[in-house]
Amino acid sequence: MRTTLKPIKLTDQDGNSTDVPGAVAFIAVLMEENSVPDYAAEEGHQAFNSFVASTLANFVTTIDLVQFNQSVQGRMVGGLSRDQAIQDELQARLDVVRQDSCVAKLV
């Protein structure tokens, strides 16, 4: 089996486009159910799925493309290639989401 990831073209309201490299990600969770009934374990599983889906949807829909492009440009001025600047900016934003999500679940 062979798969090719294609870049995702993002265009802001001013018509500026950015090709974001395609990516593959995964989330692994080990759930120990012990004496928890099957229905309760499944409810926890579904709650986790909903949390991940809503967190990712919120991340994607709240990206300000003008600000994102400005941040990428700033990273390029610092000497990074365009692809590396985009990758680093996305990673930095995902790190914030991951940190916020961990804090939200602990509180």
N, C-alpha and C. Protein backbone atom coordinates (compact mmCIF):
# COMPACT_ATOMS: atom_id res chain seq x y z
N MET A 1 0.84 -1.17 0.00
CA MET A 1 0.00 0.00 0.00
C MET A 1 0.89 1.23 0.00
N ARG A 2 0.52 2.22 -0.78
CA ARG A 2 1.29 3.45 -0.88
C ARG A 2 0.34 4.64 -0.79
N THR A 3 0.73 5.62 0.01
CA THR A 3 -0.10 6.81 0.20
C THR A 3 0.78 8.04 0.05
N THR A 4 0.24 9.06 -0.56
CA THR A 4 0.95 10.33 -0.69
C THR A 4 0.18 11.41 0.04
N LEU A 5 0.87 12.11 0.94
CA LEU A 5 0.25 13.24 1.64
C LEU A 5 0.40 14.48 0.78
N LYS A 6 -0.68 15.17 0.58
CA LYS A 6 -0.65 16.40 -0.20
C LYS A 6 -0.78 17.59 0.74
N PRO A 7 -0.18 18.72 0.37
CA PRO A 7 -0.33 19.91 1.21
C PRO A 7 -1.78 20.41 1.22
N ILE A 8 -2.12 21.06 2.30
CA ILE A 8 -3.45 21.64 2.46
C ILE A 8 -3.30 23.14 2.19
N LYS A 9 -4.05 23.66 1.24
CA LYS A 9 -3.97 25.09 0.91
C LYS A 9 -4.95 25.86 1.79
N LEU A 10 -4.41 26.78 2.58
CA LEU A 10 -5.22 27.66 3.42
C LEU A 10 -5.17 29.06 2.83
N THR A 11 -6.32 29.69 2.68
CA THR A 11 -6.40 31.02 2.11
C THR A 11 -7.15 31.93 3.06
N ASP A 12 -6.52 33.09 3.39
CA ASP A 12 -7.19 34.03 4.29
C ASP A 12 -8.12 34.95 3.51
N GLN A 13 -8.82 35.84 4.23
CA GLN A 13 -9.81 36.71 3.60
C GLN A 13 -9.20 37.71 2.63
N ASP A 14 -7.87 37.92 2.70
CA ASP A 14 -7.20 38.83 1.77
C ASP A 14 -6.68 38.10 0.53
N GLY A 15 -6.91 36.80 0.46
CA GLY A 15 -6.48 36.03 -0.69
C GLY A 15 -5.07 35.47 -0.57
N ASN A 16 -4.41 35.66 0.58
CA ASN A 16 -3.08 35.10 0.79
C ASN A 16 -3.20 33.62 1.07
N SER A 17 -2.43 32.81 0.36
CA SER A 17 -2.50 31.37 0.52
C SER A 17 -1.24 30.83 1.18
N THR A 18 -1.42 29.78 1.94
CA THR A 18 -0.31 29.07 2.57
C THR A 18 -0.55 27.58 2.35
N ASP A 19 0.46 26.89 1.83
CA ASP A 19 0.38 25.45 1.71
C ASP A 19 0.96 24.85 2.98
N VAL A 20 0.10 24.18 3.73
CA VAL A 20 0.52 23.53 4.97
C VAL A 20 0.82 22.08 4.64
N PRO A 21 1.98 21.59 5.03
CA PRO A 21 2.32 20.20 4.72
C PRO A 21 1.30 19.23 5.31
N GLY A 22 0.97 18.20 4.56
CA GLY A 22 0.09 17.16 5.08
C GLY A 22 0.78 16.44 6.23
N ALA A 23 0.01 15.88 7.12
CA ALA A 23 0.58 15.20 8.28
C ALA A 23 -0.31 14.04 8.70
N VAL A 24 0.30 13.11 9.35
CA VAL A 24 -0.42 11.98 9.94
C VAL A 24 -0.12 12.00 11.43
N ALA A 25 -1.15 11.81 12.22
CA ALA A 25 -0.97 11.79 13.66
C ALA A 25 -1.82 10.67 14.25
N PHE A 26 -1.50 10.30 15.44
CA PHE A 26 -2.32 9.31 16.13
C PHE A 26 -2.31 9.60 17.62
N ILE A 27 -3.31 9.09 18.28
CA ILE A 27 -3.43 9.21 19.72
C ILE A 27 -3.60 7.79 20.26
N ALA A 28 -2.79 7.44 21.22
CA ALA A 28 -2.91 6.11 21.83
C ALA A 28 -3.26 6.28 23.30
N VAL A 29 -4.21 5.48 23.74
CA VAL A 29 -4.65 5.53 25.13
C VAL A 29 -4.78 4.10 25.63
N LEU A 30 -4.27 3.88 26.81
CA LEU A 30 -4.46 2.60 27.46
C LEU A 30 -5.51 2.79 28.54
N MET A 31 -6.63 2.11 28.38
CA MET A 31 -7.71 2.22 29.36
C MET A 31 -7.81 0.90 30.12
N GLU A 32 -7.65 0.96 31.42
CA GLU A 32 -7.76 -0.21 32.29
C GLU A 32 -9.15 -0.19 32.88
N GLU A 33 -9.93 -1.21 32.61
CA GLU A 33 -11.30 -1.18 33.10
C GLU A 33 -11.51 -1.95 34.40
N ASN A 34 -10.62 -2.88 34.74
CA ASN A 34 -10.75 -3.68 35.96
C ASN A 34 -12.19 -4.12 36.18
N SER A 35 -12.82 -3.64 37.25
CA SER A 35 -14.18 -4.09 37.55
C SER A 35 -15.25 -3.12 37.04
N VAL A 36 -14.86 -2.23 36.15
CA VAL A 36 -15.82 -1.29 35.57
C VAL A 36 -16.68 -2.05 34.56
N PRO A 37 -17.99 -1.90 34.63
CA PRO A 37 -18.86 -2.59 33.66
C PRO A 37 -18.55 -2.15 32.23
N ASP A 38 -18.79 -3.04 31.28
CA ASP A 38 -18.50 -2.75 29.87
C ASP A 38 -19.18 -1.47 29.40
N TYR A 39 -20.44 -1.26 29.78
CA TYR A 39 -21.16 -0.07 29.32
C TYR A 39 -20.50 1.21 29.83
N ALA A 40 -19.98 1.18 31.06
CA ALA A 40 -19.32 2.37 31.62
C ALA A 40 -17.98 2.62 30.93
N ALA A 41 -17.24 1.56 30.64
CA ALA A 41 -15.98 1.71 29.91
C ALA A 41 -16.25 2.29 28.52
N GLU A 42 -17.31 1.82 27.87
CA GLU A 42 -17.65 2.34 26.53
C GLU A 42 -18.08 3.80 26.61
N GLU A 43 -18.81 4.18 27.65
CA GLU A 43 -19.18 5.59 27.82
C GLU A 43 -17.93 6.45 27.98
N GLY A 44 -16.96 5.97 28.73
CA GLY A 44 -15.69 6.70 28.87
C GLY A 44 -14.96 6.80 27.56
N HIS A 45 -14.98 5.74 26.79
CA HIS A 45 -14.36 5.72 25.47
C HIS A 45 -15.02 6.75 24.55
N GLN A 46 -16.34 6.78 24.53
CA GLN A 46 -17.07 7.73 23.69
C GLN A 46 -16.83 9.17 24.14
N ALA A 47 -16.76 9.39 25.45
CA ALA A 47 -16.48 10.74 25.97
C ALA A 47 -15.09 11.20 25.53
N PHE A 48 -14.13 10.28 25.57
CA PHE A 48 -12.78 10.60 25.11
C PHE A 48 -12.78 10.94 23.63
N ASN A 49 -13.45 10.13 22.81
CA ASN A 49 -13.54 10.40 21.38
C ASN A 49 -14.15 11.78 21.11
N SER A 50 -15.21 12.12 21.83
CA SER A 50 -15.85 13.43 21.66
C SER A 50 -14.92 14.56 22.05
N PHE A 51 -14.17 14.37 23.14
CA PHE A 51 -13.22 15.39 23.58
C PHE A 51 -12.15 15.64 22.52
N VAL A 52 -11.59 14.56 21.97
CA VAL A 52 -10.55 14.71 20.95
C VAL A 52 -11.12 15.39 19.70
N ALA A 53 -12.28 14.95 19.25
CA ALA A 53 -12.89 15.53 18.05
C ALA A 53 -13.19 17.01 18.24
N SER A 54 -13.76 17.39 19.37
CA SER A 54 -14.10 18.80 19.59
C SER A 54 -12.85 19.66 19.77
N THR A 55 -11.82 19.12 20.40
CA THR A 55 -10.57 19.86 20.58
C THR A 55 -9.91 20.13 19.24
N LEU A 56 -9.84 19.11 18.38
CA LEU A 56 -9.24 19.31 17.06
C LEU A 56 -10.07 20.24 16.19
N ALA A 57 -11.40 20.10 16.23
CA ALA A 57 -12.26 20.99 15.45
C ALA A 57 -12.09 22.43 15.90
N ASN A 58 -12.02 22.65 17.20
CA ASN A 58 -11.82 23.99 17.73
C ASN A 58 -10.47 24.56 17.30
N PHE A 59 -9.45 23.73 17.32
CA PHE A 59 -8.11 24.17 16.90
C PHE A 59 -8.13 24.63 15.45
N VAL A 60 -8.70 23.82 14.58
CA VAL A 60 -8.70 24.13 13.15
C VAL A 60 -9.54 25.35 12.84
N THR A 61 -10.72 25.46 13.43
CA THR A 61 -11.63 26.55 13.08
C THR A 61 -11.25 27.89 13.70
N THR A 62 -10.34 27.89 14.66
CA THR A 62 -9.97 29.17 15.29
C THR A 62 -8.62 29.70 14.82
N ILE A 63 -8.02 29.06 13.83
CA ILE A 63 -6.74 29.57 13.31
C ILE A 63 -7.00 30.88 12.57
N ASP A 64 -6.33 31.92 12.99
CA ASP A 64 -6.37 33.22 12.29
C ASP A 64 -5.26 33.18 11.24
N LEU A 65 -5.66 33.01 9.97
CA LEU A 65 -4.67 32.81 8.92
C LEU A 65 -3.76 34.01 8.71
N VAL A 66 -4.28 35.22 8.89
CA VAL A 66 -3.44 36.42 8.75
C VAL A 66 -2.34 36.38 9.82
N GLN A 67 -2.72 36.12 11.05
CA GLN A 67 -1.75 36.06 12.14
C GLN A 67 -0.81 34.87 11.95
N PHE A 68 -1.33 33.76 11.47
CA PHE A 68 -0.50 32.58 11.22
C PHE A 68 0.57 32.91 10.18
N ASN A 69 0.15 33.53 9.07
CA ASN A 69 1.12 33.91 8.03
C ASN A 69 2.16 34.89 8.55
N GLN A 70 1.75 35.81 9.39
CA GLN A 70 2.71 36.76 9.98
C GLN A 70 3.72 36.02 10.85
N SER A 71 3.26 35.06 11.62
CA SER A 71 4.16 34.28 12.47
C SER A 71 5.14 33.46 11.63
N VAL A 72 4.63 32.88 10.55
CA VAL A 72 5.51 32.12 9.65
C VAL A 72 6.56 33.04 9.04
N GLN A 73 6.14 34.22 8.60
CA GLN A 73 7.10 35.18 8.04
C GLN A 73 8.17 35.56 9.06
N GLY A 74 7.75 35.74 10.31
CA GLY A 74 8.71 36.06 11.37
C GLY A 74 9.72 34.95 11.57
N ARG A 75 9.28 33.72 11.49
CA ARG A 75 10.19 32.59 11.63
C ARG A 75 11.15 32.51 10.44
N MET A 76 10.65 32.89 9.24
CA MET A 76 11.51 32.88 8.06
C MET A 76 12.57 33.96 8.15
N VAL A 77 12.22 35.11 8.72
CA VAL A 77 13.20 36.18 8.92
C VAL A 77 14.30 35.68 9.86
N GLY A 78 13.91 34.80 10.78
CA GLY A 78 14.88 34.21 11.70
C GLY A 78 15.78 33.16 11.05
N GLY A 79 15.56 32.89 9.76
CA GLY A 79 16.45 31.99 9.03
C GLY A 79 15.87 30.64 8.65
N LEU A 80 14.63 30.37 9.01
CA LEU A 80 14.03 29.08 8.67
C LEU A 80 13.51 29.08 7.24
N SER A 81 13.49 27.90 6.63
CA SER A 81 12.84 27.76 5.33
C SER A 81 11.34 27.91 5.54
N ARG A 82 10.61 28.16 4.45
CA ARG A 82 9.16 28.32 4.56
C ARG A 82 8.51 27.05 5.13
N ASP A 83 8.89 25.88 4.60
CA ASP A 83 8.31 24.63 5.10
C ASP A 83 8.60 24.42 6.57
N GLN A 84 9.84 24.69 6.99
CA GLN A 84 10.20 24.51 8.39
C GLN A 84 9.48 25.52 9.27
N ALA A 85 9.34 26.75 8.78
CA ALA A 85 8.64 27.78 9.54
C ALA A 85 7.17 27.41 9.75
N ILE A 86 6.53 26.89 8.72
CA ILE A 86 5.13 26.45 8.83
C ILE A 86 5.03 25.29 9.81
N GLN A 87 5.92 24.32 9.66
CA GLN A 87 5.89 23.16 10.55
C GLN A 87 6.12 23.57 12.00
N ASP A 88 7.07 24.45 12.25
CA ASP A 88 7.35 24.90 13.61
C ASP A 88 6.19 25.69 14.20
N GLU A 89 5.55 26.52 13.38
CA GLU A 89 4.42 27.32 13.88
C GLU A 89 3.24 26.41 14.22
N LEU A 90 2.95 25.45 13.36
CA LEU A 90 1.88 24.50 13.67
C LEU A 90 2.19 23.70 14.92
N GLN A 91 3.43 23.26 15.04
CA GLN A 91 3.81 22.48 16.22
C GLN A 91 3.66 23.31 17.49
N ALA A 92 4.08 24.57 17.44
CA ALA A 92 3.95 25.45 18.61
C ALA A 92 2.49 25.61 19.00
N ARG A 93 1.62 25.76 18.02
CA ARG A 93 0.19 25.92 18.32
C ARG A 93 -0.42 24.63 18.84
N LEU A 94 0.00 23.50 18.30
CA LEU A 94 -0.49 22.22 18.80
C LEU A 94 0.00 21.94 20.21
N ASP A 95 1.22 22.38 20.51
CA ASP A 95 1.74 22.23 21.87
C ASP A 95 0.88 22.99 22.87
N VAL A 96 0.42 24.18 22.49
CA VAL A 96 -0.46 24.96 23.37
C VAL A 96 -1.78 24.23 23.58
N VAL A 97 -2.35 23.69 22.50
CA VAL A 97 -3.60 22.93 22.61
C VAL A 97 -3.40 21.72 23.52
N ARG A 98 -2.30 21.02 23.31
CA ARG A 98 -2.04 19.84 24.14
C ARG A 98 -1.88 20.22 25.60
N GLN A 99 -1.16 21.29 25.87
CA GLN A 99 -0.98 21.73 27.25
C GLN A 99 -2.32 22.17 27.86
N ASP A 100 -3.08 22.95 27.11
CA ASP A 100 -4.39 23.40 27.61
C ASP A 100 -5.32 22.22 27.85
N SER A 101 -5.28 21.21 26.97
CA SER A 101 -6.14 20.05 27.11
C SER A 101 -5.76 19.24 28.34
N CYS A 102 -4.47 19.10 28.59
CA CYS A 102 -4.03 18.36 29.78
C CYS A 102 -4.45 19.08 31.05
N VAL A 103 -4.30 20.40 31.06
CA VAL A 103 -4.70 21.18 32.23
C VAL A 103 -6.20 21.10 32.43
N ALA A 104 -6.97 21.20 31.33
CA ALA A 104 -8.43 21.15 31.43
C ALA A 104 -8.89 19.82 32.00
N LYS A 105 -8.23 18.73 31.64
CA LYS A 105 -8.64 17.42 32.14
C LYS A 105 -8.22 17.21 33.59
N LEU A 106 -7.17 17.92 34.05
CA LEU A 106 -6.72 17.75 35.41
C LEU A 106 -7.50 18.60 36.39
N VAL A 107 -8.11 19.66 35.91
CA VAL A 107 -8.83 20.59 36.79
C VAL A 107 -10.19 20.05 37.15
